[in-house]
Protein backbone atom coordinates (compact mmCIF):
# COMPACT_ATOMS: atom_id res chain seq x y z
CA UNK A 1 -10.20 -0.77 -6.19
CA UNK A 2 -11.98 2.41 -6.89
CA UNK A 3 -14.15 4.03 -4.24
CA UNK A 4 -17.07 4.15 -6.68
CA UNK A 5 -16.96 0.38 -7.24
CA UNK A 6 -17.03 -0.17 -3.47
CA UNK A 7 -20.07 2.11 -3.12
CA UNK A 8 -21.81 0.22 -5.94
CA UNK A 9 -21.00 -3.06 -4.24
CA UNK A 10 -22.32 -1.93 -0.84
CA UNK A 11 -25.48 -0.63 -2.48
CA UNK A 12 -26.16 -3.83 -4.44
CA UNK A 13 -25.43 -6.07 -1.46
CA UNK A 14 -27.83 -3.98 0.64
CA UNK A 15 -30.46 -4.33 -2.06
CA UNK A 16 -29.96 -8.09 -1.91
CA UNK A 17 -30.86 -8.08 1.79
CA UNK A 18 -33.93 -5.95 1.18
CA UNK A 19 -35.16 -8.13 -1.71
CA UNK A 20 -34.47 -11.41 0.10
CA UNK A 21 -38.16 -12.27 0.77
CA UNK A 22 -39.05 -12.16 -2.95
CA UNK A 23 -35.75 -13.53 -4.28
CA UNK A 24 -36.86 -17.21 -4.46
CA UNK A 25 -39.65 -16.21 -6.86
CA UNK A 26 -37.19 -14.30 -9.04
CA UNK A 27 -34.72 -17.22 -8.98
CA UNK A 28 -37.46 -19.65 -10.01
CA UNK A 29 -38.26 -17.48 -13.00
CA UNK A 30 -34.61 -16.96 -14.03
CA UNK A 31 -33.56 -20.59 -13.61
CA UNK A 32 -36.88 -22.08 -14.73
CA UNK A 33 -36.84 -24.18 -11.56
CA UNK A 34 -39.71 -24.11 -9.06
CA UNK A 35 -37.59 -25.73 -6.35
CA UNK A 36 -36.43 -22.29 -5.21
CA UNK A 37 -40.02 -21.48 -4.18
CA UNK A 38 -40.85 -25.01 -2.97
CA UNK A 39 -37.79 -24.90 -0.68
CA UNK A 40 -38.33 -21.27 0.30
CA UNK A 41 -36.56 -21.32 3.69
CA UNK A 42 -33.59 -23.28 2.37
CA UNK A 43 -33.29 -20.84 -0.55
CA UNK A 44 -33.35 -17.85 1.84
CA UNK A 45 -30.56 -19.42 3.95
CA UNK A 46 -28.56 -20.20 0.81
CA UNK A 47 -28.97 -16.62 -0.44
CA UNK A 48 -27.77 -15.26 2.90
CA UNK A 49 -24.63 -17.44 2.69
CA UNK A 50 -24.11 -16.36 -0.92
CA UNK A 51 -24.40 -12.70 0.01
CA UNK A 52 -21.74 -13.15 2.72
CA UNK A 53 -19.43 -14.91 0.25
CA UNK A 54 -19.98 -12.10 -2.27
CA UNK A 55 -18.94 -9.55 0.34
CA UNK A 56 -15.90 -11.64 1.32
CA UNK A 57 -14.74 -12.02 -2.29
CA UNK A 58 -15.69 -8.43 -3.18
CA UNK A 59 -17.21 -9.84 -6.35
CA UNK A 60 -19.07 -6.72 -7.46
CA UNK A 61 -16.26 -4.27 -6.74
CA UNK A 62 -13.75 -6.57 -8.47
CA UNK A 63 -15.99 -6.99 -11.50
CA UNK A 64 -16.54 -3.28 -12.05
CA UNK A 65 -13.40 -1.79 -10.54
CA UNK A 66 -10.57 -3.96 -11.81
CA UNK A 67 -10.65 -3.48 -15.57
CA UNK A 68 -7.23 -1.81 -15.54
CA UNK A 69 -5.76 -4.48 -13.28
CA UNK A 70 -7.23 -7.23 -15.46
CA UNK A 71 -5.68 -5.64 -18.55
CA UNK A 72 -2.30 -5.40 -16.83
CA UNK A 73 -2.44 -9.01 -15.66
CA UNK A 74 -3.46 -10.26 -19.10
CA UNK A 75 -0.19 -8.85 -20.42
CA UNK A 76 1.97 -10.57 -17.78
CA UNK A 77 0.06 -13.78 -17.01
CA UNK A 78 -1.34 -16.47 -19.30
CA UNK A 79 -4.17 -18.54 -17.86
CA UNK A 80 -4.04 -22.26 -18.56
CA UNK A 81 -6.14 -25.25 -17.56
CA UNK A 82 -9.75 -26.29 -17.73
CA UNK A 83 -12.59 -26.62 -15.27
CA UNK A 84 -12.70 -29.76 -13.14
CA UNK A 85 -16.09 -28.82 -11.64
CA UNK A 86 -14.96 -28.44 -8.02
CA UNK A 87 -17.32 -25.49 -7.42
CA UNK A 88 -14.83 -23.30 -5.52
CA UNK A 89 -15.20 -20.45 -8.02
CA UNK A 90 -18.95 -20.52 -7.34
CA UNK A 91 -18.48 -18.16 -4.39
CA UNK A 92 -16.73 -20.84 -2.33
CA UNK A 93 -19.52 -23.30 -3.18
CA UNK A 94 -22.26 -21.00 -1.84
CA UNK A 95 -23.85 -19.84 -5.10
CA UNK A 96 -27.59 -20.38 -5.15
CA UNK A 97 -27.35 -21.61 -8.76
CA UNK A 98 -24.74 -24.26 -7.91
CA UNK A 99 -25.95 -27.83 -8.21
CA UNK A 100 -24.22 -31.23 -8.25
CA UNK A 101 -24.55 -34.07 -10.73
CA UNK A 102 -24.64 -37.79 -9.80
CA UNK A 103 -20.81 -37.94 -9.66
CA UNK A 104 -20.63 -34.95 -7.29
CA UNK A 105 -19.29 -32.57 -9.94
CA UNK A 106 -20.53 -29.00 -9.82
CA UNK A 107 -22.91 -27.73 -12.44
CA UNK A 108 -24.65 -24.41 -12.89
CA UNK A 109 -28.43 -24.18 -13.17
CA UNK A 110 -28.20 -21.07 -15.35
CA UNK A 111 -25.12 -22.01 -17.41
CA UNK A 112 -25.30 -20.45 -20.86
CA UNK A 113 -28.20 -18.12 -20.04
CA UNK A 114 -28.15 -14.34 -20.48
CA UNK A 115 -27.71 -13.91 -16.72
CA UNK A 116 -24.76 -16.30 -16.59
CA UNK A 117 -22.96 -14.25 -19.26
CA UNK A 118 -23.52 -11.05 -17.24
CA UNK A 119 -22.11 -12.48 -14.01
CA UNK A 120 -18.40 -12.87 -13.35
CA UNK A 121 -18.92 -16.63 -13.73
CA UNK A 122 -19.28 -16.21 -17.47
CA UNK A 123 -15.69 -15.01 -17.81
CA UNK A 124 -13.97 -16.91 -14.98
CA UNK A 125 -11.01 -16.81 -14.64
CA UNK A 126 -10.47 -13.33 -15.97
CA UNK A 127 -7.14 -12.78 -14.25
CA UNK A 128 -4.57 -14.41 -11.96
CA UNK A 129 -6.17 -12.83 -8.89
CA UNK A 130 -9.39 -14.77 -9.59
CA UNK A 131 -7.52 -18.07 -9.45
CA UNK A 132 -5.71 -17.04 -6.27
CA UNK A 133 -8.90 -15.79 -4.57
CA UNK A 134 -10.71 -19.12 -4.81
CA UNK A 135 -7.56 -21.31 -4.65
CA UNK A 136 -8.71 -22.88 -7.89
CA UNK A 137 -7.19 -26.32 -8.49
CA UNK A 138 -8.20 -26.34 -12.17
CA UNK A 139 -6.59 -23.23 -13.60
CA UNK A 140 -3.11 -21.81 -13.22
CA UNK A 141 -1.49 -18.56 -14.24
CA UNK A 142 1.86 -18.83 -15.96
CA UNK A 143 4.10 -15.81 -16.47
CA UNK A 144 4.09 -14.58 -20.06
CA UNK A 145 7.49 -14.53 -21.69
CA UNK A 146 8.10 -10.96 -22.67
CA UNK A 147 9.03 -10.47 -26.32
CA UNK A 148 9.92 -7.12 -27.78
CA UNK A 149 7.31 -5.80 -30.17
CA UNK A 150 7.74 -3.56 -33.20
CA UNK A 151 4.65 -1.67 -34.24
CA UNK A 152 4.12 -1.31 -37.98
CA UNK A 153 0.86 0.38 -38.83
CA UNK A 154 -1.86 -1.51 -36.99
CA UNK A 155 0.18 -4.70 -36.56
CA UNK A 156 2.61 -5.70 -33.83
CA UNK A 157 5.44 -7.94 -34.89
CA UNK A 158 7.57 -9.81 -32.35
CA UNK A 159 11.28 -9.11 -32.69
CA UNK A 160 13.72 -11.90 -31.97
CA UNK A 161 17.42 -11.07 -32.00
CA UNK A 162 19.77 -13.40 -33.87
CA UNK A 163 23.48 -13.53 -34.28
CA UNK A 164 24.50 -12.28 -37.72
CA UNK A 165 27.07 -15.03 -38.20
CA UNK A 166 26.76 -18.39 -36.51
CA UNK A 167 29.63 -19.39 -34.28
CA UNK A 168 31.70 -22.11 -35.85
CA UNK A 169 33.77 -24.39 -33.71
CA UNK A 170 36.71 -26.65 -34.22
CA UNK A 171 37.49 -29.80 -32.34
CA UNK A 172 37.74 -29.29 -28.62
CA UNK A 173 35.06 -26.59 -28.54
CA UNK A 174 37.32 -23.63 -29.38
CA UNK A 175 35.64 -20.91 -31.38
CA UNK A 176 37.06 -19.80 -34.72
CA UNK A 177 35.37 -16.40 -34.47
CA UNK A 178 37.60 -13.56 -33.37
């Protein structure tokens, strides 16, 4: 990761510590949920755990410093699967916006909002490393089969080699081709 992305991450994580006393008010406004303020102490503890998980996962540095790596991985790995709502990708189940439904499945309090789309959650999983980081049981990365490409104008066309004449066989499996 780039040194600049690490500096940005350290700065933002430090700002999170400084703004911790007013964060429940901000969260209540963003999520439209007064429980963050009503449960002020619990919210502060949850935010502290979330901040530690963010540092562990290097979320900010990965988000802003791995564009090149994400592009490289998108060429070699295809992501398959769908969310089973385990909550592991929610910063190891520490995200302050993480909630559970009656069946115990994870759900996000800000899902679909403008903030959700700005966070790395809105594009999870972006690359194979994301799946590996959280040991996600829902998604998997499969190697992409490499196919030669021919570029014609603005279009790429896959090239598949074929034999010019099919092999013909006689009884017993012997080939009649020279």
